[in-house]
């Protein structure tokens, strides 16, 4: 159960970071984009471990967290 919660949180933050990274690249802020990119790699490692361990409940939670993260970030940035 804790692994699924961790995966959901990680998926959420990964998509928040991805959205902010793309925004930083678009705004031509290389240092900010690079910082977001490093954080994205950390989240990618977590997702890779989940898939390798075949913890499909955690993978599903990761996907849900990612959807929520992107939706909320884009919605927030539209204001």
PDB file of N, CA and C in Angstrom:
ATOM      1  N   UNK A   1       0.824  -1.197   0.000  1.00  0.00           N
ATOM      2  CA  UNK A   1       0.000   0.000   0.000  1.00  0.00           C
ATOM      3  C   UNK A   1       0.867   1.260   0.000  1.00  0.00           C
ATOM      4  N   UNK A   2       1.895   1.283   0.848  1.00  0.00           N
ATOM      5  CA  UNK A   2       2.750   2.470   0.918  1.00  0.00           C
ATOM      6  C   UNK A   2       3.465   2.706  -0.398  1.00  0.00           C
ATOM      7  N   UNK A   3       3.760   1.616  -1.122  1.00  0.00           N
ATOM      8  CA  UNK A   3       4.440   1.748  -2.406  1.00  0.00           C
ATOM      9  C   UNK A   3       3.529   2.428  -3.434  1.00  0.00           C
ATOM     10  N   UNK A   4       2.247   2.101  -3.396  1.00  0.00           N
ATOM     11  CA  UNK A   4       1.293   2.729  -4.311  1.00  0.00           C
ATOM     12  C   UNK A   4       1.149   4.216  -4.005  1.00  0.00           C
ATOM     13  N   UNK A   5       1.144   4.572  -2.727  1.00  0.00           N
ATOM     14  CA  UNK A   5       1.051   5.984  -2.341  1.00  0.00           C
ATOM     15  C   UNK A   5       2.308   6.725  -2.794  1.00  0.00           C
ATOM     16  N   UNK A   6       3.471   6.129  -2.571  1.00  0.00           N
ATOM     17  CA  UNK A   6       4.723   6.724  -3.023  1.00  0.00           C
ATOM     18  C   UNK A   6       4.721   6.902  -4.541  1.00  0.00           C
ATOM     19  N   UNK A   7       4.223   5.910  -5.250  1.00  0.00           N
ATOM     20  CA  UNK A   7       4.173   5.983  -6.707  1.00  0.00           C
ATOM     21  C   UNK A   7       3.238   7.093  -7.166  1.00  0.00           C
ATOM     22  N   UNK A   8       2.102   7.233  -6.527  1.00  0.00           N
ATOM     23  CA  UNK A   8       1.166   8.293  -6.885  1.00  0.00           C
ATOM     24  C   UNK A   8       1.805   9.665  -6.683  1.00  0.00           C
ATOM     25  N   UNK A   9       2.461   9.842  -5.556  1.00  0.00           N
ATOM     26  CA  UNK A   9       3.126  11.118  -5.259  1.00  0.00           C
ATOM     27  C   UNK A   9       4.257  11.378  -6.256  1.00  0.00           C
ATOM     28  N   UNK A  10       5.018  10.359  -6.558  1.00  0.00           N
ATOM     29  CA  UNK A  10       6.135  10.512  -7.500  1.00  0.00           C
ATOM     30  C   UNK A  10       5.612  10.826  -8.906  1.00  0.00           C
ATOM     31  N   UNK A  11       4.555  10.139  -9.319  1.00  0.00           N
ATOM     32  CA  UNK A  11       3.958  10.421 -10.619  1.00  0.00           C
ATOM     33  C   UNK A  11       3.427  11.840 -10.694  1.00  0.00           C
ATOM     34  N   UNK A  12       2.824  12.285  -9.605  1.00  0.00           N
ATOM     35  CA  UNK A  12       2.311  13.654  -9.531  1.00  0.00           C
ATOM     36  C   UNK A  12       3.448  14.649  -9.722  1.00  0.00           C
ATOM     37  N   UNK A  13       4.505  14.489  -8.931  1.00  0.00           N
ATOM     38  CA  UNK A  13       5.618  15.427  -9.015  1.00  0.00           C
ATOM     39  C   UNK A  13       6.361  15.339 -10.342  1.00  0.00           C
ATOM     40  N   UNK A  14       6.426  14.146 -10.925  1.00  0.00           N
ATOM     41  CA  UNK A  14       7.117  14.022 -12.201  1.00  0.00           C
ATOM     42  C   UNK A  14       6.416  14.853 -13.272  1.00  0.00           C
ATOM     43  N   UNK A  15       5.108  14.785 -13.308  1.00  0.00           N
ATOM     44  CA  UNK A  15       4.411  15.545 -14.337  1.00  0.00           C
ATOM     45  C   UNK A  15       4.375  17.038 -14.026  1.00  0.00           C
ATOM     46  N   UNK A  16       4.364  17.405 -12.766  1.00  0.00           N
ATOM     47  CA  UNK A  16       4.500  18.822 -12.410  1.00  0.00           C
ATOM     48  C   UNK A  16       5.860  19.322 -12.896  1.00  0.00           C
ATOM     49  N   UNK A  17       6.899  18.565 -12.591  1.00  0.00           N
ATOM     50  CA  UNK A  17       8.249  18.946 -13.004  1.00  0.00           C
ATOM     51  C   UNK A  17       8.386  18.995 -14.518  1.00  0.00           C
ATOM     52  N   UNK A  18       7.796  18.027 -15.195  1.00  0.00           N
ATOM     53  CA  UNK A  18       7.863  17.993 -16.658  1.00  0.00           C
ATOM     54  C   UNK A  18       7.226  19.249 -17.249  1.00  0.00           C
ATOM     55  N   UNK A  19       6.049  19.591 -16.747  1.00  0.00           N
ATOM     56  CA  UNK A  19       5.346  20.769 -17.257  1.00  0.00           C
ATOM     57  C   UNK A  19       6.153  22.040 -16.998  1.00  0.00           C
ATOM     58  N   UNK A  20       6.721  22.149 -15.811  1.00  0.00           N
ATOM     59  CA  UNK A  20       7.528  23.326 -15.483  1.00  0.00           C
ATOM     60  C   UNK A  20       8.838  23.348 -16.280  1.00  0.00           C
ATOM     61  N   UNK A  21       9.396  22.187 -16.558  1.00  0.00           N
ATOM     62  CA  UNK A  21      10.625  22.099 -17.354  1.00  0.00           C
ATOM     63  C   UNK A  21      10.360  22.579 -18.776  1.00  0.00           C
ATOM     64  N   UNK A  22       9.277  22.112 -19.373  1.00  0.00           N
ATOM     65  CA  UNK A  22       8.922  22.550 -20.726  1.00  0.00           C
ATOM     66  C   UNK A  22       8.693  24.056 -20.742  1.00  0.00           C
ATOM     67  N   UNK A  23       8.045  24.576 -19.707  1.00  0.00           N
ATOM     68  CA  UNK A  23       7.813  26.014 -19.598  1.00  0.00           C
ATOM     69  C   UNK A  23       9.141  26.773 -19.512  1.00  0.00           C
ATOM     70  N   UNK A  24      10.086  26.237 -18.737  1.00  0.00           N
ATOM     71  CA  UNK A  24      11.395  26.886 -18.596  1.00  0.00           C
ATOM     72  C   UNK A  24      12.174  26.855 -19.911  1.00  0.00           C
ATOM     73  N   UNK A  25      12.075  25.766 -20.644  1.00  0.00           N
ATOM     74  CA  UNK A  25      12.746  25.682 -21.948  1.00  0.00           C
ATOM     75  C   UNK A  25      12.131  26.695 -22.910  1.00  0.00           C
ATOM     76  N   UNK A  26      10.805  26.762 -22.918  1.00  0.00           N
ATOM     77  CA  UNK A  26      10.111  27.707 -23.787  1.00  0.00           C
ATOM     78  C   UNK A  26      10.491  29.147 -23.454  1.00  0.00           C
ATOM     79  N   UNK A  27      10.662  29.428 -22.159  1.00  0.00           N
ATOM     80  CA  UNK A  27      11.036  30.770 -21.715  1.00  0.00           C
ATOM     81  C   UNK A  27      12.537  31.025 -21.832  1.00  0.00           C
ATOM     82  N   UNK A  28      13.280  30.051 -22.344  1.00  0.00           N
ATOM     83  CA  UNK A  28      14.734  30.146 -22.532  1.00  0.00           C
ATOM     84  C   UNK A  28      15.466  30.435 -21.225  1.00  0.00           C
ATOM     85  N   UNK A  29      15.145  29.616 -20.222  1.00  0.00           N
ATOM     86  CA  UNK A  29      15.812  29.688 -18.921  1.00  0.00           C
ATOM     87  C   UNK A  29      16.568  28.374 -18.725  1.00  0.00           C
ATOM     88  N   UNK A  30      17.787  28.277 -19.250  1.00  0.00           N
ATOM     89  CA  UNK A  30      18.496  26.996 -19.245  1.00  0.00           C
ATOM     90  C   UNK A  30      18.805  26.438 -17.854  1.00  0.00           C
ATOM     91  N   UNK A  31      19.185  27.284 -16.909  1.00  0.00           N
ATOM     92  CA  UNK A  31      19.526  26.781 -15.572  1.00  0.00           C
ATOM     93  C   UNK A  31      18.292  26.212 -14.873  1.00  0.00           C
ATOM     94  N   UNK A  32      17.181  26.903 -14.984  1.00  0.00           N
ATOM     95  CA  UNK A  32      15.940  26.422 -14.361  1.00  0.00           C
ATOM     96  C   UNK A  32      15.515  25.106 -15.009  1.00  0.00           C
ATOM     97  N   UNK A  33      15.570  25.050 -16.338  1.00  0.00           N
ATOM     98  CA  UNK A  33      15.211  23.824 -17.056  1.00  0.00           C
ATOM     99  C   UNK A  33      16.117  22.666 -16.649  1.00  0.00           C
ATOM    100  N   UNK A  34      17.399  22.929 -16.472  1.00  0.00           N
ATOM    101  CA  UNK A  34      18.339  21.878 -16.067  1.00  0.00           C
ATOM    102  C   UNK A  34      18.026  21.349 -14.671  1.00  0.00           C
ATOM    103  N   UNK A  35      17.660  22.232 -13.756  1.00  0.00           N
ATOM    104  CA  UNK A  35      17.293  21.796 -12.395  1.00  0.00           C
ATOM    105  C   UNK A  35      16.057  20.913 -12.430  1.00  0.00           C
ATOM    106  N   UNK A  36      15.053  21.314 -13.205  1.00  0.00           N
ATOM    107  CA  UNK A  36      13.845  20.494 -13.326  1.00  0.00           C
ATOM    108  C   UNK A  36      14.177  19.154 -13.965  1.00  0.00           C
ATOM    109  N   UNK A  37      15.098  19.165 -14.927  1.00  0.00           N
ATOM    110  CA  UNK A  37      15.487  17.935 -15.608  1.00  0.00           C
ATOM    111  C   UNK A  37      16.119  16.922 -14.648  1.00  0.00           C
ATOM    112  N   UNK A  38      16.965  17.403 -13.755  1.00  0.00           N
ATOM    113  CA  UNK A  38      17.586  16.509 -12.764  1.00  0.00           C
ATOM    114  C   UNK A  38      16.515  15.868 -11.878  1.00  0.00           C
ATOM    115  N   UNK A  39      15.576  16.672 -11.430  1.00  0.00           N
ATOM    116  CA  UNK A  39      14.489  16.137 -10.596  1.00  0.00           C
ATOM    117  C   UNK A  39      13.647  15.129 -11.385  1.00  0.00           C
ATOM    118  N   UNK A  40      13.485  15.367 -12.673  1.00  0.00           N
ATOM    119  CA  UNK A  40      12.746  14.417 -13.516  1.00  0.00           C
ATOM    120  C   UNK A  40      13.454  13.069 -13.579  1.00  0.00           C
ATOM    121  N   UNK A  41      14.772  13.094 -13.667  1.00  0.00           N
ATOM    122  CA  UNK A  41      15.518  11.832 -13.692  1.00  0.00           C
ATOM    123  C   UNK A  41      15.309  11.031 -12.414  1.00  0.00           C
ATOM    124  N   UNK A  42      15.263  11.694 -11.302  1.00  0.00           N
ATOM    125  CA  UNK A  42      15.025  11.001 -10.027  1.00  0.00           C
ATOM    126  C   UNK A  42      13.663  10.309 -10.059  1.00  0.00           C
ATOM    127  N   UNK A  43      12.644  11.013 -10.511  1.00  0.00           N
ATOM    128  CA  UNK A  43      11.315  10.410 -10.616  1.00  0.00           C
ATOM    129  C   UNK A  43      11.299   9.263 -11.629  1.00  0.00           C
ATOM    130  N   UNK A  44      12.080   9.401 -12.700  1.00  0.00           N
ATOM    131  CA  UNK A  44      12.162   8.345 -13.704  1.00  0.00           C
ATOM    132  C   UNK A  44      12.765   7.075 -13.122  1.00  0.00           C
ATOM    133  N   UNK A  45      13.756   7.225 -12.260  1.00  0.00           N
ATOM    134  CA  UNK A  45      14.340   6.050 -11.604  1.00  0.00           C
ATOM    135  C   UNK A  45      13.292   5.314 -10.785  1.00  0.00           C
ATOM    136  N   UNK A  46      12.482   6.047 -10.065  1.00  0.00           N
ATOM    137  CA  UNK A  46      11.428   5.425  -9.255  1.00  0.00           C
ATOM    138  C   UNK A  46      10.460   4.664 -10.152  1.00  0.00           C
ATOM    139  N   UNK A  47      10.035   5.286 -11.250  1.00  0.00           N
ATOM    140  CA  UNK A  47       9.086   4.604 -12.134  1.00  0.00           C
ATOM    141  C   UNK A  47       9.706   3.362 -12.758  1.00  0.00           C
ATOM    142  N   UNK A  48      10.987   3.423 -13.090  1.00  0.00           N
ATOM    143  CA  UNK A  48      11.663   2.261 -13.659  1.00  0.00           C
ATOM    144  C   UNK A  48      11.717   1.111 -12.666  1.00  0.00           C
ATOM    145  N   UNK A  49      12.023   1.403 -11.426  1.00  0.00           N
ATOM    146  CA  UNK A  49      12.056   0.361 -10.387  1.00  0.00           C
ATOM    147  C   UNK A  49      10.683  -0.267 -10.226  1.00  0.00           C
ATOM    148  N   UNK A  50       9.641   0.539 -10.236  1.00  0.00           N
ATOM    149  CA  UNK A  50       8.283   0.008 -10.095  1.00  0.00           C
ATOM    150  C   UNK A  50       7.948  -0.954 -11.224  1.00  0.00           C
ATOM    151  N   UNK A  51       8.335  -0.595 -12.442  1.00  0.00           N
ATOM    152  CA  UNK A  51       8.039  -1.455 -13.584  1.00  0.00           C
ATOM    153  C   UNK A  51       8.865  -2.732 -13.525  1.00  0.00           C
ATOM    154  N   UNK A  52      10.147  -2.613 -13.186  1.00  0.00           N
ATOM    155  CA  UNK A  52      11.016  -3.792 -13.100  1.00  0.00           C
ATOM    156  C   UNK A  52      10.535  -4.742 -12.004  1.00  0.00           C
ATOM    157  N   UNK A  53      10.069  -4.177 -10.901  1.00  0.00           N
ATOM    158  CA  UNK A  53       9.573  -5.004  -9.795  1.00  0.00           C
ATOM    159  C   UNK A  53       8.183  -5.576 -10.085  1.00  0.00           C
ATOM    160  N   UNK A  54       7.582  -5.151 -11.189  1.00  0.00           N
ATOM    161  CA  UNK A  54       6.264  -5.619 -11.614  1.00  0.00           C
ATOM    162  C   UNK A  54       5.197  -5.366 -10.561  1.00  0.00           C
ATOM    163  N   UNK A  55       5.277  -4.210  -9.958  1.00  0.00           N
ATOM    164  CA  UNK A  55       4.273  -3.799  -8.984  1.00  0.00           C
ATOM    165  C   UNK A  55       3.220  -2.983  -9.741  1.00  0.00           C
ATOM    166  N   UNK A  56       2.279  -3.696 -10.345  1.00  0.00           N
ATOM    167  CA  UNK A  56       1.340  -3.063 -11.261  1.00  0.00           C
ATOM    168  C   UNK A  56       0.380  -2.102 -10.569  1.00  0.00           C
ATOM    169  N   UNK A  57       0.064  -2.335  -9.316  1.00  0.00           N
ATOM    170  CA  UNK A  57      -0.787  -1.399  -8.566  1.00  0.00           C
ATOM    171  C   UNK A  57      -0.051  -0.071  -8.420  1.00  0.00           C
ATOM    172  N   UNK A  58       1.237  -0.138  -8.110  1.00  0.00           N
ATOM    173  CA  UNK A  58       2.037   1.083  -7.973  1.00  0.00           C
ATOM    174  C   UNK A  58       2.190   1.786  -9.316  1.00  0.00           C
ATOM    175  N   UNK A  59       2.344   1.020 -10.385  1.00  0.00           N
ATOM    176  CA  UNK A  59       2.452   1.622 -11.714  1.00  0.00           C
ATOM    177  C   UNK A  59       1.157   2.353 -12.063  1.00  0.00           C
ATOM    178  N   UNK A  60       0.024   1.750 -11.761  1.00  0.00           N
ATOM    179  CA  UNK A  60      -1.271   2.402 -12.009  1.00  0.00           C
ATOM    180  C   UNK A  60      -1.392   3.676 -11.176  1.00  0.00           C
ATOM    181  N   UNK A  61      -0.965   3.621  -9.929  1.00  0.00           N
ATOM    182  CA  UNK A  61      -1.004   4.804  -9.064  1.00  0.00           C
ATOM    183  C   UNK A  61      -0.082   5.882  -9.606  1.00  0.00           C
ATOM    184  N   UNK A  62       1.061   5.490 -10.135  1.00  0.00           N
ATOM    185  CA  UNK A  62       2.014   6.429 -10.729  1.00  0.00           C
ATOM    186  C   UNK A  62       1.368   7.160 -11.914  1.00  0.00           C
ATOM    187  N   UNK A  63       0.656   6.419 -12.734  1.00  0.00           N
ATOM    188  CA  UNK A  63      -0.012   7.005 -13.893  1.00  0.00           C
ATOM    189  C   UNK A  63      -1.095   7.989 -13.455  1.00  0.00           C
ATOM    190  N   UNK A  64      -1.879   7.601 -12.466  1.00  0.00           N
ATOM    191  CA  UNK A  64      -2.929   8.496 -11.952  1.00  0.00           C
ATOM    192  C   UNK A  64      -2.300   9.767 -11.376  1.00  0.00           C
ATOM    193  N   UNK A  65      -1.243   9.614 -10.615  1.00  0.00           N
ATOM    194  CA  UNK A  65      -0.553  10.775 -10.055  1.00  0.00           C
ATOM    195  C   UNK A  65      -0.021  11.689 -11.140  1.00  0.00           C
ATOM    196  N   UNK A  66       0.491  11.103 -12.212  1.00  0.00           N
ATOM    197  CA  UNK A  66       0.991  11.892 -13.333  1.00  0.00           C
ATOM    198  C   UNK A  66      -0.107  12.686 -14.016  1.00  0.00           C
ATOM    199  N   UNK A  67      -1.246  12.059 -14.194  1.00  0.00           N
ATOM    200  CA  UNK A  67      -2.379  12.761 -14.814  1.00  0.00           C
ATOM    201  C   UNK A  67      -2.808  13.947 -13.954  1.00  0.00           C
ATOM    202  N   UNK A  68      -2.936  13.703 -12.664  1.00  0.00           N
ATOM    203  CA  UNK A  68      -3.339  14.776 -11.742  1.00  0.00           C
ATOM    204  C   UNK A  68      -2.302  15.899 -11.747  1.00  0.00           C
ATOM    205  N   UNK A  69      -1.034  15.541 -11.723  1.00  0.00           N
ATOM    206  CA  UNK A  69       0.032  16.539 -11.710  1.00  0.00           C
ATOM    207  C   UNK A  69       0.010  17.435 -12.931  1.00  0.00           C
ATOM    208  N   UNK A  70      -0.143  16.837 -14.108  1.00  0.00           N
ATOM    209  CA  UNK A  70      -0.185  17.636 -15.326  1.00  0.00           C
ATOM    210  C   UNK A  70      -1.433  18.506 -15.363  1.00  0.00           C
ATOM    211  N   UNK A  71      -2.563  17.927 -15.052  1.00  0.00           N
ATOM    212  CA  UNK A  71      -3.817  18.674 -15.088  1.00  0.00           C
ATOM    213  C   UNK A  71      -3.764  19.892 -14.172  1.00  0.00           C
ATOM    214  N   UNK A  72      -3.354  19.681 -12.933  1.00  0.00           N
ATOM    215  CA  UNK A  72      -3.333  20.794 -11.978  1.00  0.00           C
ATOM    216  C   UNK A  72      -2.295  21.857 -12.350  1.00  0.00           C
ATOM    217  N   UNK A  73      -1.145  21.429 -12.839  1.00  0.00           N
ATOM    218  CA  UNK A  73      -0.104  22.396 -13.199  1.00  0.00           C
ATOM    219  C   UNK A  73      -0.541  23.244 -14.389  1.00  0.00           C
ATOM    220  N   UNK A  74      -1.082  22.615 -15.406  1.00  0.00           N
ATOM    221  CA  UNK A  74      -1.520  23.375 -16.580  1.00  0.00           C
ATOM    222  C   UNK A  74      -2.674  24.301 -16.197  1.00  0.00           C
ATOM    223  N   UNK A  75      -3.594  23.787 -15.417  1.00  0.00           N
ATOM    224  CA  UNK A  75      -4.723  24.617 -14.975  1.00  0.00           C
ATOM    225  C   UNK A  75      -4.230  25.828 -14.165  1.00  0.00           C
ATOM    226  N   UNK A  76      -3.264  25.592 -13.286  1.00  0.00           N
ATOM    227  CA  UNK A  76      -2.682  26.666 -12.467  1.00  0.00           C
ATOM    228  C   UNK A  76      -1.957  27.685 -13.335  1.00  0.00           C
ATOM    229  N   UNK A  77      -1.232  27.207 -14.355  1.00  0.00           N
ATOM    230  CA  UNK A  77      -0.461  28.099 -15.223  1.00  0.00           C
ATOM    231  C   UNK A  77      -1.360  28.910 -16.155  1.00  0.00           C
ATOM    232  N   UNK A  78      -2.600  28.479 -16.381  1.00  0.00           N
ATOM    233  CA  UNK A  78      -3.515  29.187 -17.264  1.00  0.00           C
ATOM    234  C   UNK A  78      -4.067  30.458 -16.608  1.00  0.00           C
ATOM    235  N   UNK A  79      -3.956  30.566 -15.306  1.00  0.00           N
ATOM    236  CA  UNK A  79      -4.518  31.736 -14.593  1.00  0.00           C
ATOM    237  C   UNK A  79      -3.646  32.942 -14.727  1.00  0.00           C
TER     238      UNK A  79
END
